[in-house]
């Protein structure tokens, strides 16, 4: 999915119209953008980060860190499960372990 990118000048033009007393819904219809997008631009302008070249917000980084920590936890649980399953398999079928110790199958002989 591709996202439409708006220039800083376009964003400022829309926000100037809002500052002049225009209705958010009317401006959104006129420029074919969502009201939520305009509200986001207003928030970014208040933060001084209307330009797209701003650094990644700290909250976004915390979200990514949380997501990665959850993934690590999930993989750790899967790893533990597989280790337990392998131990149970080895306890139930010890002969399977003994047969695979040697390199030879027993049928081939060296002359």
N, C-alpha and C. Protein backbone atom coordinates (compact mmCIF):
# COMPACT_ATOMS: atom_id res chain seq x y z
N UNK A 1 0.84 -1.17 0.00
CA UNK A 1 0.00 0.00 0.00
C UNK A 1 0.89 1.23 0.00
N UNK A 2 0.63 2.17 -0.89
CA UNK A 2 1.43 3.38 -0.93
C UNK A 2 0.67 4.51 -0.26
N UNK A 3 1.39 5.34 0.41
CA UNK A 3 0.80 6.47 1.11
C UNK A 3 1.12 7.75 0.37
N UNK A 4 0.16 8.66 0.34
CA UNK A 4 0.39 9.94 -0.31
C UNK A 4 1.19 10.82 0.64
N UNK A 5 2.18 11.46 0.12
CA UNK A 5 3.01 12.35 0.92
C UNK A 5 2.68 13.78 0.56
N UNK A 6 2.56 14.59 1.58
CA UNK A 6 2.24 16.00 1.38
C UNK A 6 3.45 16.84 1.73
N UNK A 7 3.65 17.90 0.98
CA UNK A 7 4.78 18.77 1.24
C UNK A 7 4.51 19.61 2.49
N UNK A 8 5.58 20.13 3.04
CA UNK A 8 5.46 20.98 4.22
C UNK A 8 4.65 22.23 3.88
N UNK A 9 4.84 22.76 2.67
CA UNK A 9 4.11 23.95 2.25
C UNK A 9 2.60 23.69 2.18
N UNK A 10 2.22 22.53 1.67
CA UNK A 10 0.80 22.18 1.58
C UNK A 10 0.20 22.08 2.98
N UNK A 11 0.91 21.41 3.88
CA UNK A 11 0.43 21.27 5.26
C UNK A 11 0.26 22.64 5.91
N UNK A 12 1.25 23.52 5.70
CA UNK A 12 1.17 24.86 6.28
C UNK A 12 0.00 25.65 5.71
N UNK A 13 -0.27 25.48 4.41
CA UNK A 13 -1.40 26.17 3.77
C UNK A 13 -2.72 25.72 4.40
N UNK A 14 -2.88 24.43 4.59
CA UNK A 14 -4.10 23.90 5.20
C UNK A 14 -4.24 24.42 6.62
N UNK A 15 -3.15 24.42 7.37
CA UNK A 15 -3.20 24.87 8.76
C UNK A 15 -3.44 26.37 8.87
N UNK A 16 -2.94 27.14 7.89
CA UNK A 16 -3.21 28.58 7.89
C UNK A 16 -4.70 28.85 7.73
N UNK A 17 -5.34 28.07 6.84
CA UNK A 17 -6.78 28.24 6.64
C UNK A 17 -7.54 27.91 7.93
N UNK A 18 -7.08 26.92 8.65
CA UNK A 18 -7.73 26.59 9.93
C UNK A 18 -7.51 27.72 10.93
N UNK A 19 -6.34 28.30 10.90
CA UNK A 19 -6.02 29.41 11.80
C UNK A 19 -6.86 30.64 11.50
N UNK A 20 -7.32 30.76 10.25
CA UNK A 20 -8.14 31.90 9.86
C UNK A 20 -9.61 31.68 10.22
N UNK A 21 -9.90 30.56 10.86
CA UNK A 21 -11.26 30.32 11.32
C UNK A 21 -12.06 29.36 10.48
N UNK A 22 -11.45 28.73 9.51
CA UNK A 22 -12.17 27.75 8.68
C UNK A 22 -12.51 26.51 9.51
N UNK A 23 -13.55 25.83 9.10
CA UNK A 23 -13.99 24.59 9.73
C UNK A 23 -13.08 23.44 9.27
N UNK A 24 -12.70 22.55 10.19
CA UNK A 24 -11.81 21.43 9.85
C UNK A 24 -12.45 20.54 8.79
N UNK A 25 -13.74 20.25 8.94
CA UNK A 25 -14.41 19.37 7.97
C UNK A 25 -14.44 20.00 6.58
N UNK A 26 -14.68 21.30 6.51
CA UNK A 26 -14.73 21.98 5.20
C UNK A 26 -13.36 21.98 4.53
N UNK A 27 -12.32 22.25 5.30
CA UNK A 27 -10.96 22.25 4.74
C UNK A 27 -10.58 20.84 4.30
N UNK A 28 -10.95 19.85 5.09
CA UNK A 28 -10.63 18.46 4.73
C UNK A 28 -11.30 18.07 3.42
N UNK A 29 -12.56 18.46 3.24
CA UNK A 29 -13.25 18.17 1.98
C UNK A 29 -12.62 18.91 0.82
N UNK A 30 -12.29 20.16 1.02
CA UNK A 30 -11.72 20.99 -0.04
C UNK A 30 -10.41 20.40 -0.56
N UNK A 31 -9.57 19.90 0.33
CA UNK A 31 -8.26 19.39 -0.08
C UNK A 31 -8.21 17.86 -0.16
N UNK A 32 -9.34 17.20 0.07
CA UNK A 32 -9.45 15.74 -0.03
C UNK A 32 -8.46 15.03 0.89
N UNK A 33 -8.42 15.49 2.13
CA UNK A 33 -7.62 14.82 3.16
C UNK A 33 -8.54 14.53 4.34
N UNK A 34 -8.14 13.58 5.17
CA UNK A 34 -9.00 13.24 6.30
C UNK A 34 -8.85 14.28 7.41
N UNK A 35 -9.90 14.41 8.19
CA UNK A 35 -9.85 15.34 9.33
C UNK A 35 -8.77 14.90 10.32
N UNK A 36 -8.67 13.57 10.53
CA UNK A 36 -7.67 13.08 11.48
C UNK A 36 -6.26 13.46 11.04
N UNK A 37 -6.00 13.42 9.75
CA UNK A 37 -4.70 13.82 9.24
C UNK A 37 -4.43 15.29 9.55
N UNK A 38 -5.43 16.12 9.40
CA UNK A 38 -5.27 17.54 9.72
C UNK A 38 -5.00 17.73 11.21
N UNK A 39 -5.74 16.98 12.04
CA UNK A 39 -5.48 17.05 13.49
C UNK A 39 -4.05 16.60 13.82
N UNK A 40 -3.58 15.57 13.13
CA UNK A 40 -2.20 15.12 13.33
C UNK A 40 -1.21 16.21 12.94
N UNK A 41 -1.49 16.89 11.82
CA UNK A 41 -0.61 17.98 11.40
C UNK A 41 -0.60 19.11 12.43
N UNK A 42 -1.76 19.40 13.00
CA UNK A 42 -1.82 20.44 14.03
C UNK A 42 -0.96 20.06 15.24
N UNK A 43 -1.05 18.81 15.64
CA UNK A 43 -0.26 18.35 16.78
C UNK A 43 1.24 18.43 16.46
N UNK A 44 1.60 18.01 15.27
CA UNK A 44 3.01 18.07 14.88
C UNK A 44 3.51 19.51 14.81
N UNK A 45 2.64 20.41 14.35
CA UNK A 45 3.03 21.81 14.28
C UNK A 45 3.26 22.36 15.69
N UNK A 46 2.40 21.97 16.64
CA UNK A 46 2.59 22.40 18.04
C UNK A 46 3.91 21.87 18.60
N UNK A 47 4.27 20.65 18.20
CA UNK A 47 5.53 20.05 18.67
C UNK A 47 6.73 20.60 17.91
N UNK A 48 6.49 21.37 16.86
CA UNK A 48 7.58 21.91 16.06
C UNK A 48 8.18 20.88 15.12
N UNK A 49 7.39 19.87 14.76
CA UNK A 49 7.91 18.78 13.93
C UNK A 49 7.00 18.54 12.73
N UNK A 50 6.55 19.59 12.08
CA UNK A 50 5.66 19.43 10.93
C UNK A 50 6.40 18.85 9.73
N UNK A 51 7.68 19.11 9.63
CA UNK A 51 8.48 18.58 8.54
C UNK A 51 8.69 17.09 8.72
N UNK A 52 8.71 16.32 7.64
CA UNK A 52 8.88 14.87 7.71
C UNK A 52 10.30 14.44 8.06
N UNK A 53 11.21 15.37 8.14
CA UNK A 53 12.60 15.00 8.42
C UNK A 53 12.88 14.89 9.91
N UNK A 54 11.84 15.00 10.73
CA UNK A 54 12.04 14.96 12.18
C UNK A 54 12.48 13.56 12.62
N UNK A 55 13.18 13.47 13.71
CA UNK A 55 13.61 12.15 14.19
C UNK A 55 12.41 11.34 14.71
N UNK A 56 12.61 10.06 14.82
CA UNK A 56 11.55 9.17 15.30
C UNK A 56 11.23 9.52 16.74
N UNK A 57 9.96 9.58 17.04
CA UNK A 57 9.54 9.93 18.40
C UNK A 57 9.93 8.84 19.38
N UNK A 58 10.13 9.25 20.59
CA UNK A 58 10.52 8.32 21.65
C UNK A 58 9.42 7.29 21.89
N UNK A 59 8.17 7.68 21.78
CA UNK A 59 7.06 6.75 21.99
C UNK A 59 7.06 5.64 20.94
N UNK A 60 7.41 5.99 19.71
CA UNK A 60 7.48 4.98 18.66
C UNK A 60 8.58 3.98 18.97
N UNK A 61 9.70 4.47 19.48
CA UNK A 61 10.79 3.57 19.84
C UNK A 61 10.38 2.64 20.97
N UNK A 62 9.67 3.18 21.96
CA UNK A 62 9.21 2.34 23.07
C UNK A 62 8.25 1.27 22.57
N UNK A 63 7.41 1.63 21.60
CA UNK A 63 6.48 0.65 21.02
C UNK A 63 7.22 -0.46 20.30
N UNK A 64 8.25 -0.08 19.56
CA UNK A 64 9.05 -1.08 18.85
C UNK A 64 9.80 -1.97 19.83
N UNK A 65 10.33 -1.38 20.88
CA UNK A 65 11.05 -2.16 21.88
C UNK A 65 10.10 -3.15 22.55
N UNK A 66 8.90 -2.70 22.89
CA UNK A 66 7.92 -3.59 23.50
C UNK A 66 7.55 -4.75 22.58
N UNK A 67 7.40 -4.44 21.30
CA UNK A 67 7.07 -5.48 20.33
C UNK A 67 8.20 -6.50 20.23
N UNK A 68 9.43 -6.02 20.20
CA UNK A 68 10.57 -6.93 20.12
C UNK A 68 10.70 -7.76 21.40
N UNK A 69 10.45 -7.17 22.55
CA UNK A 69 10.51 -7.93 23.80
C UNK A 69 9.45 -9.03 23.83
N UNK A 70 8.26 -8.74 23.32
CA UNK A 70 7.22 -9.77 23.25
C UNK A 70 7.65 -10.91 22.33
N UNK A 71 8.27 -10.55 21.22
CA UNK A 71 8.72 -11.57 20.27
C UNK A 71 9.81 -12.45 20.90
N UNK A 72 10.73 -11.84 21.62
CA UNK A 72 11.78 -12.60 22.30
C UNK A 72 11.16 -13.55 23.32
N UNK A 73 10.17 -13.07 24.06
CA UNK A 73 9.48 -13.92 25.03
C UNK A 73 8.79 -15.09 24.36
N UNK A 74 8.14 -14.83 23.24
CA UNK A 74 7.45 -15.90 22.51
C UNK A 74 8.44 -16.94 22.02
N UNK A 75 9.55 -16.48 21.45
CA UNK A 75 10.55 -17.41 20.94
C UNK A 75 11.21 -18.20 22.07
N UNK A 76 11.38 -17.58 23.22
CA UNK A 76 11.94 -18.28 24.37
C UNK A 76 10.99 -19.39 24.82
N UNK A 77 9.70 -19.09 24.85
CA UNK A 77 8.72 -20.11 25.23
C UNK A 77 8.71 -21.27 24.23
N UNK A 78 8.79 -20.96 22.96
CA UNK A 78 8.81 -22.00 21.93
C UNK A 78 10.07 -22.86 22.07
N UNK A 79 11.19 -22.22 22.34
CA UNK A 79 12.45 -22.93 22.51
C UNK A 79 12.38 -23.88 23.71
N UNK A 80 11.85 -23.39 24.83
CA UNK A 80 11.70 -24.23 26.02
C UNK A 80 10.78 -25.41 25.75
N UNK A 81 9.69 -25.18 25.04
CA UNK A 81 8.77 -26.25 24.70
C UNK A 81 9.47 -27.33 23.87
N UNK A 82 10.24 -26.90 22.87
CA UNK A 82 10.93 -27.86 22.02
C UNK A 82 11.99 -28.65 22.79
N UNK A 83 12.67 -27.99 23.72
CA UNK A 83 13.66 -28.71 24.54
C UNK A 83 13.00 -29.76 25.41
N UNK A 84 11.85 -29.43 26.03
CA UNK A 84 11.13 -30.39 26.85
C UNK A 84 10.63 -31.56 26.02
N UNK A 85 10.13 -31.25 24.83
CA UNK A 85 9.64 -32.30 23.95
C UNK A 85 10.77 -33.24 23.54
N UNK A 86 11.92 -32.69 23.26
CA UNK A 86 13.08 -33.51 22.89
C UNK A 86 13.49 -34.41 24.05
N UNK A 87 13.50 -33.87 25.29
CA UNK A 87 13.86 -34.69 26.46
C UNK A 87 12.86 -35.83 26.64
N UNK A 88 11.56 -35.56 26.48
CA UNK A 88 10.55 -36.61 26.60
C UNK A 88 10.74 -37.68 25.53
N UNK A 89 11.03 -37.23 24.33
CA UNK A 89 11.25 -38.18 23.23
C UNK A 89 12.45 -39.07 23.54
N UNK A 90 13.53 -38.48 24.03
CA UNK A 90 14.73 -39.25 24.37
C UNK A 90 14.48 -40.23 25.50
N UNK A 91 13.62 -39.86 26.47
CA UNK A 91 13.30 -40.76 27.57
C UNK A 91 12.41 -41.92 27.11
N UNK A 92 11.48 -41.67 26.24
CA UNK A 92 10.57 -42.72 25.76
C UNK A 92 11.24 -43.67 24.79
N UNK A 93 12.09 -43.16 23.97
CA UNK A 93 12.72 -43.97 22.91
C UNK A 93 14.24 -43.90 23.02
N UNK A 94 14.80 -44.49 24.06
CA UNK A 94 16.27 -44.43 24.21
C UNK A 94 16.99 -45.22 23.13
N UNK A 95 16.35 -46.27 22.56
CA UNK A 95 17.01 -47.05 21.52
C UNK A 95 17.22 -46.22 20.26
N UNK A 96 16.37 -45.27 20.00
CA UNK A 96 16.55 -44.43 18.81
C UNK A 96 17.84 -43.63 18.93
N UNK A 97 18.16 -43.23 20.15
CA UNK A 97 19.39 -42.49 20.40
C UNK A 97 20.61 -43.38 20.20
N UNK A 98 20.55 -44.66 20.66
CA UNK A 98 21.68 -45.58 20.56
C UNK A 98 21.96 -45.96 19.11
N UNK A 99 20.92 -46.12 18.31
CA UNK A 99 21.11 -46.54 16.93
C UNK A 99 21.80 -45.47 16.08
N UNK A 100 21.62 -44.24 16.43
CA UNK A 100 22.17 -43.17 15.60
C UNK A 100 23.57 -42.74 16.05
N UNK A 101 24.14 -43.43 17.04
CA UNK A 101 25.45 -43.02 17.55
C UNK A 101 26.54 -43.28 16.53
N UNK A 102 26.55 -44.45 15.91
CA UNK A 102 27.61 -44.79 14.96
C UNK A 102 27.37 -44.19 13.59
N UNK A 103 28.45 -44.14 12.80
CA UNK A 103 28.33 -43.61 11.44
C UNK A 103 27.83 -44.68 10.48
N UNK A 104 28.01 -45.94 10.81
CA UNK A 104 27.66 -47.02 9.92
C UNK A 104 26.25 -47.51 10.21
N UNK A 105 25.59 -48.06 9.19
CA UNK A 105 24.25 -48.61 9.36
C UNK A 105 24.31 -50.07 9.79
N UNK A 106 25.45 -50.67 9.78
CA UNK A 106 25.58 -52.07 10.15
C UNK A 106 25.53 -52.99 8.95
N UNK A 107 25.04 -52.54 7.85
CA UNK A 107 24.92 -53.37 6.65
C UNK A 107 26.16 -53.24 5.77
N UNK A 108 26.82 -52.14 5.84
CA UNK A 108 28.00 -51.97 5.00
C UNK A 108 29.24 -52.38 5.80
N UNK A 109 30.15 -53.08 5.13
CA UNK A 109 31.38 -53.52 5.78
C UNK A 109 32.59 -53.07 4.97
N UNK A 110 33.64 -52.76 5.68
CA UNK A 110 34.86 -52.41 5.00
C UNK A 110 35.64 -53.69 4.74
N UNK A 111 36.23 -53.79 3.60
CA UNK A 111 37.00 -54.99 3.24
C UNK A 111 38.45 -54.75 3.37
